[in-house]
Amino acid sequence: MNVLFTKNFSVTAAQLHALQGSRYAVWASHTDPGHGMLAAAAHTFLEPRGLLGDDYAAWLLDACVERGIELVIPGKERERLASWQERFAAAGVTLITPATEATQRHLERKDEFLHDWDTSILPIPRWTTFDSLASFDDAAATLREPGMRLCVKPARGIYASGFRVLMDTPDLKSFLGGELYQMSHAAARELFAQAAPRGTQGELPTMLLMHTLEGAERSVDCVAWQGELLRAVVRRKGGEGQQIEDRPDLLEAARQISARYGLSGIFNFQTKDGPDVEGRNRTPNMLEINARASGGLRYSLAAGVNFPLLLLDAATGVLDRAAIPPVQTGLRVAEEKVARIIHEQEAAV
């Protein structure tokens, strides 16, 4: 069967490699002819630049019908494409989106997500929002506690863009050590003071201010189908590489998340350990859910779980749930970067 992975981050190449030798003929599309996704797929084509929303969805549907694509795992415009599933199905194309358009946008809006989150599944750190210097000052006054650092990040964003831990004073040791995710409280105030008034160009977007938890950080990669969790891999960050852990509590959280949001696809959630009743940093707190594959999925693939294959087999109705391999825990997994040739340059004469 022909399966297409549309424009996405370069880490998607790991999923394409994982499908080599399977019953699926792997296609990839992107606007950049030199992108790593295209290098990892047996069949490729270019996407037009600048198409968005329904215009992109209509183009994609035509492109799939023209090439005999039977399954699509979208990256670009996956939220809007969720509303096109019936039109794709009428043309004989199964479009796999992680949830409804509304649910995907809800999860992306971290402030809305935290407001709605069920803390009986996992607790969350104390937090609030701000969108100006004045509201930042008010938020900091509300959340400030002895011995507790604060951090900021945009309510909408990916990876660590805009994330900073706030320090009372500039820290020379951290600066010289290459710490990228710290800034002083005074520097943050100076930065937010530059924001234009609300409703004008250059305004400060909605930001989160929350307690910085000092315990272990984990990333949980999951694959689900129609609200049923198929497999999840818990990765503990820190040190050299990442540790694949056996955490039944976080696997249970993954099951509840899958069911709560009716997820179908590869998704990820992030946790950080905070204080328990004895004051030790060992209670996982929910930070965010991403209705997409994480940048670190390649680590979890090394734990014996073929995430894209499980997803495609579930979507096509051939998945034998009893035969799904167990997660290999207790591993420490490291990444090895390799170089590839994008194109050869003619030698100078």
Protein backbone atom coordinates (compact mmCIF):
# COMPACT_ATOMS: atom_id res chain seq x y z
CA MET A 1 0.00 0.00 0.00
CA ASN A 2 1.19 3.49 -0.79
CA VAL A 3 1.55 5.71 2.30
CA LEU A 4 2.46 9.38 2.12
CA PHE A 5 4.17 11.46 4.81
CA THR A 6 3.67 15.13 3.97
CA LYS A 7 5.87 18.11 4.83
CA ASN A 8 7.11 17.80 8.39
CA PHE A 9 10.19 18.17 10.58
CA SER A 10 13.42 16.42 9.61
CA VAL A 11 13.05 13.89 12.45
CA THR A 12 10.21 12.34 10.42
CA ALA A 13 12.97 10.61 8.45
CA ALA A 14 13.35 8.18 11.37
CA GLN A 15 9.75 7.03 10.86
CA LEU A 16 10.34 6.54 7.15
CA HIS A 17 13.44 4.43 7.83
CA ALA A 18 11.44 2.34 10.32
CA LEU A 19 9.04 1.32 7.53
CA GLN A 20 11.71 -0.04 5.23
CA GLY A 21 10.99 -3.67 4.35
CA SER A 22 7.34 -3.41 5.42
CA ARG A 23 4.28 -3.94 3.25
CA TYR A 24 3.97 -0.19 2.80
CA ALA A 25 5.48 1.71 -0.12
CA VAL A 26 6.72 4.91 1.49
CA TRP A 27 6.22 8.30 -0.14
CA ALA A 28 7.31 11.71 1.15
CA SER A 29 6.53 15.23 0.01
CA HIS A 30 8.09 18.55 0.97
CA THR A 31 8.60 22.07 -0.39
CA ASP A 32 12.39 21.76 0.03
CA PRO A 33 14.02 19.43 -2.52
CA GLY A 34 17.01 18.92 -0.22
CA HIS A 35 15.03 18.02 2.89
CA GLY A 36 15.97 14.89 4.85
CA MET A 37 12.45 13.47 4.59
CA LEU A 38 12.84 13.14 0.84
CA ALA A 39 16.19 11.41 1.20
CA ALA A 40 14.61 8.78 3.46
CA ALA A 41 11.69 7.80 1.19
CA ALA A 42 11.64 5.57 -1.86
CA HIS A 43 9.12 7.79 -3.67
CA THR A 44 8.97 11.58 -3.45
CA PHE A 45 7.43 14.69 -4.94
CA LEU A 46 7.54 18.40 -4.20
CA GLU A 47 4.78 20.42 -2.57
CA PRO A 48 3.96 23.92 -3.85
CA ARG A 49 5.09 26.70 -1.57
CA GLY A 50 2.61 29.03 0.11
CA LEU A 51 -0.51 26.84 0.13
CA LEU A 52 -2.39 26.84 3.44
CA GLY A 53 -5.68 25.69 4.91
CA ASP A 54 -8.35 24.40 2.57
CA ASP A 55 -6.31 25.30 -0.51
CA TYR A 56 -3.54 22.99 0.70
CA ALA A 57 -6.03 20.24 1.58
CA ALA A 58 -7.60 20.38 -1.87
CA TRP A 59 -4.18 20.23 -3.56
CA LEU A 60 -3.13 17.30 -1.36
CA LEU A 61 -6.26 15.32 -2.17
CA ASP A 62 -5.66 15.74 -5.90
CA ALA A 63 -1.98 14.80 -5.50
CA CYS A 64 -2.91 11.59 -3.66
CA VAL A 65 -5.52 10.52 -6.21
CA GLU A 66 -3.11 11.21 -9.07
CA ARG A 67 -0.37 9.02 -7.53
CA GLY A 68 -2.51 6.24 -6.09
CA ILE A 69 -1.76 7.15 -2.48
CA GLU A 70 -3.96 5.10 -0.13
CA LEU A 71 -2.83 6.37 3.29
CA VAL A 72 -1.67 9.82 4.38
CA ILE A 73 0.06 10.86 7.62
CA PRO A 74 0.11 14.66 7.38
CA GLY A 75 2.55 17.04 8.99
CA LYS A 76 1.67 20.40 7.47
CA GLU A 77 -1.89 21.63 8.15
CA ARG A 78 -2.77 18.46 10.07
CA GLU A 79 -5.27 20.39 12.20
CA ARG A 80 -7.27 21.67 9.23
CA LEU A 81 -6.95 18.37 7.40
CA ALA A 82 -8.90 16.63 10.18
CA SER A 83 -12.02 18.29 8.76
CA TRP A 84 -11.27 16.79 5.33
CA GLN A 85 -11.22 13.11 6.34
CA GLU A 86 -14.60 12.31 4.78
CA ARG A 87 -13.66 13.95 1.47
CA PHE A 88 -10.40 11.97 1.37
CA ALA A 89 -12.26 8.76 2.25
CA ALA A 90 -14.75 9.34 -0.58
CA ALA A 91 -11.75 9.38 -2.94
CA GLY A 92 -10.38 6.13 -1.47
CA VAL A 93 -7.68 7.77 0.66
CA THR A 94 -7.36 7.18 4.41
CA LEU A 95 -6.22 10.41 6.06
CA ILE A 96 -4.74 9.75 9.52
CA THR A 97 -5.00 12.79 11.77
CA PRO A 98 -4.44 12.54 15.54
CA ALA A 99 -7.80 14.01 16.58
CA THR A 100 -10.51 16.42 15.50
CA GLU A 101 -9.45 19.89 14.42
CA ALA A 102 -10.86 21.36 17.64
CA THR A 103 -9.02 18.87 19.87
CA GLN A 104 -5.70 19.41 18.11
CA ARG A 105 -5.97 23.18 18.44
CA HIS A 106 -6.98 22.81 22.09
CA LEU A 107 -3.84 20.78 22.84
CA GLU A 108 -1.66 23.31 21.02
CA ARG A 109 -3.02 26.19 23.12
CA LYS A 110 -1.16 25.32 26.29
CA ASP A 111 -3.11 27.78 28.43
CA GLU A 112 -6.44 26.27 27.35
CA PHE A 113 -5.06 22.76 27.80
CA LEU A 114 -3.85 23.44 31.35
CA HIS A 115 -7.19 25.04 32.29
CA ASP A 116 -9.01 21.91 31.11
CA TRP A 117 -6.53 19.29 32.33
CA ASP A 118 -7.76 16.56 34.72
CA THR A 119 -5.26 16.67 37.59
CA SER A 120 -6.43 13.27 38.83
CA ILE A 121 -4.36 11.83 35.94
CA LEU A 122 -1.21 13.84 36.72
CA PRO A 123 -0.75 17.04 38.74
CA ILE A 124 0.47 20.25 37.10
CA PRO A 125 2.77 23.00 38.41
CA ARG A 126 1.28 26.29 39.61
CA TRP A 127 0.94 28.57 36.60
CA THR A 128 -0.78 31.61 35.13
CA THR A 129 -0.64 33.72 31.97
CA PHE A 130 0.51 37.21 31.02
CA ASP A 131 0.57 39.33 27.87
CA SER A 132 2.23 42.57 28.96
CA LEU A 133 4.86 43.84 31.36
CA ALA A 134 2.21 44.84 33.89
CA SER A 135 0.52 41.44 33.83
CA PHE A 136 3.96 39.75 34.00
CA ASP A 137 4.73 41.66 37.19
CA ASP A 138 1.33 40.71 38.64
CA ALA A 139 1.80 37.07 37.67
CA ALA A 140 5.28 36.93 39.21
CA ALA A 141 3.98 38.42 42.45
CA THR A 142 1.20 35.81 42.55
CA LEU A 143 3.44 32.79 41.93
CA ARG A 144 6.57 33.81 43.81
CA GLU A 145 7.42 31.41 46.66
CA PRO A 146 10.61 31.02 48.69
CA GLY A 147 13.05 28.64 47.00
CA MET A 148 10.88 28.29 43.88
CA ARG A 149 12.15 29.50 40.51
CA LEU A 150 9.78 30.63 37.77
CA CYS A 151 9.91 29.95 34.05
CA VAL A 152 8.25 31.47 30.98
CA LYS A 153 7.22 30.07 27.61
CA PRO A 154 4.74 30.97 24.88
CA ALA A 155 1.25 29.50 25.18
CA ARG A 156 1.66 28.41 21.55
CA GLY A 157 5.00 27.07 20.41
CA ILE A 158 7.09 24.01 19.61
CA TYR A 159 10.18 22.52 21.18
CA ALA A 160 11.88 24.99 23.56
CA SER A 161 11.24 28.15 21.55
CA GLY A 162 10.75 31.03 23.98
CA PHE A 163 11.31 28.93 27.10
CA ARG A 164 13.48 30.47 29.81
CA VAL A 165 14.05 29.81 33.51
CA LEU A 166 14.11 33.13 35.36
CA MET A 167 17.00 33.82 37.71
CA ASP A 168 16.96 36.48 40.42
CA THR A 169 20.28 37.80 39.15
CA PRO A 170 22.45 37.05 36.09
CA ASP A 171 24.49 33.91 36.62
CA LEU A 172 28.03 34.10 35.21
CA LYS A 173 28.77 30.41 35.73
CA SER A 174 25.71 29.38 33.70
CA PHE A 175 26.54 31.89 30.98
CA LEU A 176 30.12 30.64 30.62
CA GLY A 177 28.87 27.06 30.73
CA GLY A 178 26.70 27.61 27.67
CA GLU A 179 23.33 27.54 29.43
CA LEU A 180 20.82 28.67 26.79
CA TYR A 181 17.57 28.51 28.73
CA GLN A 182 18.15 30.94 31.58
CA MET A 183 17.72 34.70 31.84
CA SER A 184 17.50 37.13 34.73
CA HIS A 185 14.18 38.45 35.96
CA ALA A 186 15.36 41.97 35.12
CA ALA A 187 16.24 40.96 31.55
CA ALA A 188 12.81 39.41 31.14
CA ARG A 189 11.14 42.63 32.30
CA GLU A 190 13.24 44.64 29.86
CA LEU A 191 12.29 42.29 27.03
CA PHE A 192 8.55 42.32 27.79
CA ALA A 193 8.58 46.11 28.15
CA GLN A 194 9.35 46.32 24.42
CA ALA A 195 6.06 44.68 23.46
CA ALA A 196 3.59 46.81 21.56
CA PRO A 197 0.05 47.40 22.89
CA ARG A 198 -2.44 44.58 22.43
CA GLY A 199 -4.05 44.47 19.01
CA THR A 200 -1.06 46.01 17.23
CA GLN A 201 1.87 44.56 15.33
CA GLY A 202 4.70 43.42 17.60
CA GLU A 203 2.45 42.65 20.55
CA LEU A 204 3.50 40.09 23.14
CA PRO A 205 1.66 36.80 22.59
CA THR A 206 -0.03 35.05 25.46
CA MET A 207 2.75 33.67 27.67
CA LEU A 208 2.80 31.15 30.49
CA LEU A 209 4.52 31.82 33.80
CA MET A 210 4.87 28.74 35.97
CA HIS A 211 6.82 27.14 38.76
CA THR A 212 10.04 25.52 37.59
CA LEU A 213 10.11 21.94 38.81
CA GLU A 214 13.60 20.74 39.63
CA GLY A 215 13.18 16.97 39.32
CA ALA A 216 13.70 14.52 36.47
CA GLU A 217 12.33 15.40 33.04
CA ARG A 218 10.63 12.75 30.94
CA SER A 219 9.21 12.52 27.46
CA VAL A 220 6.60 9.83 26.76
CA ASP A 221 6.16 8.76 23.14
CA CYS A 222 2.84 7.07 22.38
CA VAL A 223 0.94 5.53 19.51
CA ALA A 224 -2.82 5.13 19.71
CA TRP A 225 -5.74 4.28 17.50
CA GLN A 226 -9.27 5.63 18.06
CA GLY A 227 -8.56 6.35 21.71
CA GLU A 228 -6.83 3.03 22.43
CA LEU A 229 -3.20 3.18 23.48
CA LEU A 230 -1.14 0.65 21.53
CA ARG A 231 2.30 1.30 23.00
CA ALA A 232 4.14 3.98 24.96
CA VAL A 233 7.84 4.47 25.70
CA VAL A 234 9.02 6.54 28.67
CA ARG A 235 12.32 8.38 28.16
CA ARG A 236 14.13 10.01 31.06
CA LYS A 237 16.37 12.86 29.93
CA GLY A 238 19.69 13.86 31.44
CA GLY A 239 23.27 12.70 31.29
CA GLU A 240 24.65 11.01 28.20
CA GLY A 241 21.79 9.81 26.03
CA GLN A 242 18.36 9.00 27.44
CA GLN A 243 17.16 6.23 29.73
CA ILE A 244 14.21 4.02 28.66
CA GLU A 245 12.28 3.44 31.89
CA ASP A 246 9.63 1.03 33.16
CA ARG A 247 6.99 3.41 34.56
CA PRO A 248 3.54 1.83 34.93
CA ASP A 249 2.19 5.11 36.36
CA LEU A 250 3.07 7.04 33.20
CA LEU A 251 1.82 4.23 30.97
CA GLU A 252 -1.52 4.48 32.76
CA ALA A 253 -1.48 8.24 32.20
CA ALA A 254 -0.82 7.58 28.50
CA ARG A 255 -3.84 5.25 28.35
CA GLN A 256 -6.07 7.86 29.95
CA ILE A 257 -4.80 10.61 27.66
CA SER A 258 -5.47 8.47 24.57
CA ALA A 259 -9.04 7.82 25.69
CA ARG A 260 -9.74 11.36 26.96
CA TYR A 261 -8.87 13.01 23.64
CA GLY A 262 -9.77 10.12 21.31
CA LEU A 263 -6.29 10.12 19.80
CA SER A 264 -5.25 8.25 16.65
CA GLY A 265 -1.60 8.59 15.75
CA ILE A 266 1.81 9.17 17.24
CA PHE A 267 1.79 11.70 20.06
CA ASN A 268 3.92 12.75 22.99
CA PHE A 269 3.60 14.24 26.44
CA GLN A 270 6.18 15.84 28.69
CA THR A 271 6.52 15.57 32.47
CA LYS A 272 8.80 17.00 35.13
CA ASP A 273 9.14 15.69 38.67
CA GLY A 274 8.05 18.00 41.46
CA PRO A 275 7.94 17.74 45.26
CA ASP A 276 5.91 14.96 46.88
CA VAL A 277 4.41 15.09 50.38
CA GLU A 278 7.89 14.61 51.84
CA GLY A 279 9.31 17.45 49.76
CA ARG A 280 11.38 15.28 47.43
CA ASN A 281 11.28 15.84 43.65
CA ARG A 282 9.80 12.57 42.48
CA THR A 283 6.15 13.22 41.54
CA PRO A 284 5.62 13.49 37.75
CA ASN A 285 3.78 16.68 36.75
CA MET A 286 2.15 17.14 33.38
CA LEU A 287 3.68 19.93 31.29
CA GLU A 288 2.14 19.53 27.83
CA ILE A 289 0.71 17.12 25.28
CA ASN A 290 1.81 17.31 21.65
CA ALA A 291 -0.54 15.72 19.11
CA ARG A 292 2.42 14.88 16.87
CA ALA A 293 5.56 12.80 16.94
CA SER A 294 8.28 14.24 19.15
CA GLY A 295 11.75 15.29 18.08
CA GLY A 296 13.12 12.47 20.24
CA LEU A 297 11.00 9.67 18.78
CA ARG A 298 14.15 8.08 17.33
CA TYR A 299 15.23 7.24 20.90
CA SER A 300 11.96 5.42 21.53
CA LEU A 301 12.20 3.56 18.22
CA ALA A 302 15.40 2.01 19.59
CA ALA A 303 13.34 0.47 22.42
CA GLY A 304 11.79 -2.05 20.03
CA VAL A 305 8.57 -0.19 19.19
CA ASN A 306 7.93 0.51 15.51
CA PHE A 307 5.55 3.43 16.01
CA PRO A 308 4.63 4.14 12.36
CA LEU A 309 4.14 0.45 11.55
CA LEU A 310 1.79 -0.03 14.51
CA LEU A 311 -0.18 3.03 13.46
CA LEU A 312 -0.52 1.96 9.83
CA ASP A 313 -1.42 -1.62 10.71
CA ALA A 314 -4.10 -0.35 13.11
CA ALA A 315 -5.47 2.02 10.46
CA THR A 316 -5.68 -0.75 7.87
CA GLY A 317 -7.18 -3.29 10.28
CA VAL A 318 -4.36 -5.83 10.15
CA LEU A 319 -2.77 -5.16 13.55
CA ASP A 320 -2.44 -8.24 15.76
CA ARG A 321 -2.47 -6.65 19.20
CA ALA A 322 -1.36 -9.85 20.90
CA ALA A 323 1.80 -9.89 18.76
CA ILE A 324 2.95 -6.33 19.48
CA PRO A 325 6.51 -6.59 20.87
CA PRO A 326 7.05 -5.39 24.44
CA VAL A 327 8.98 -2.20 25.17
CA GLN A 328 12.63 -2.86 25.97
CA THR A 329 13.24 -0.94 29.18
CA GLY A 330 16.44 -0.37 31.13
CA LEU A 331 18.25 0.83 28.02
CA ARG A 332 20.36 3.96 27.73
CA VAL A 333 20.01 5.24 24.19
CA ALA A 334 22.29 7.75 22.45
CA GLU A 335 22.03 9.43 19.08
CA GLU A 336 24.75 9.30 16.43
CA LYS A 337 24.60 12.09 13.89
CA VAL A 338 25.62 11.37 10.33
CA ALA A 339 26.31 13.59 7.32
CA ARG A 340 24.60 13.14 3.97
CA ILE A 341 25.20 14.61 0.53
CA ILE A 342 22.39 16.89 -0.61
CA HIS A 343 23.85 17.39 -4.08
CA GLU A 344 27.23 17.14 -5.72
CA GLN A 345 28.94 20.32 -6.83
CA GLU A 346 30.93 20.31 -10.01
CA ALA A 347 34.65 20.71 -9.51
CA ALA A 348 36.07 24.12 -10.41
CA VAL A 349 38.11 24.15 -13.62
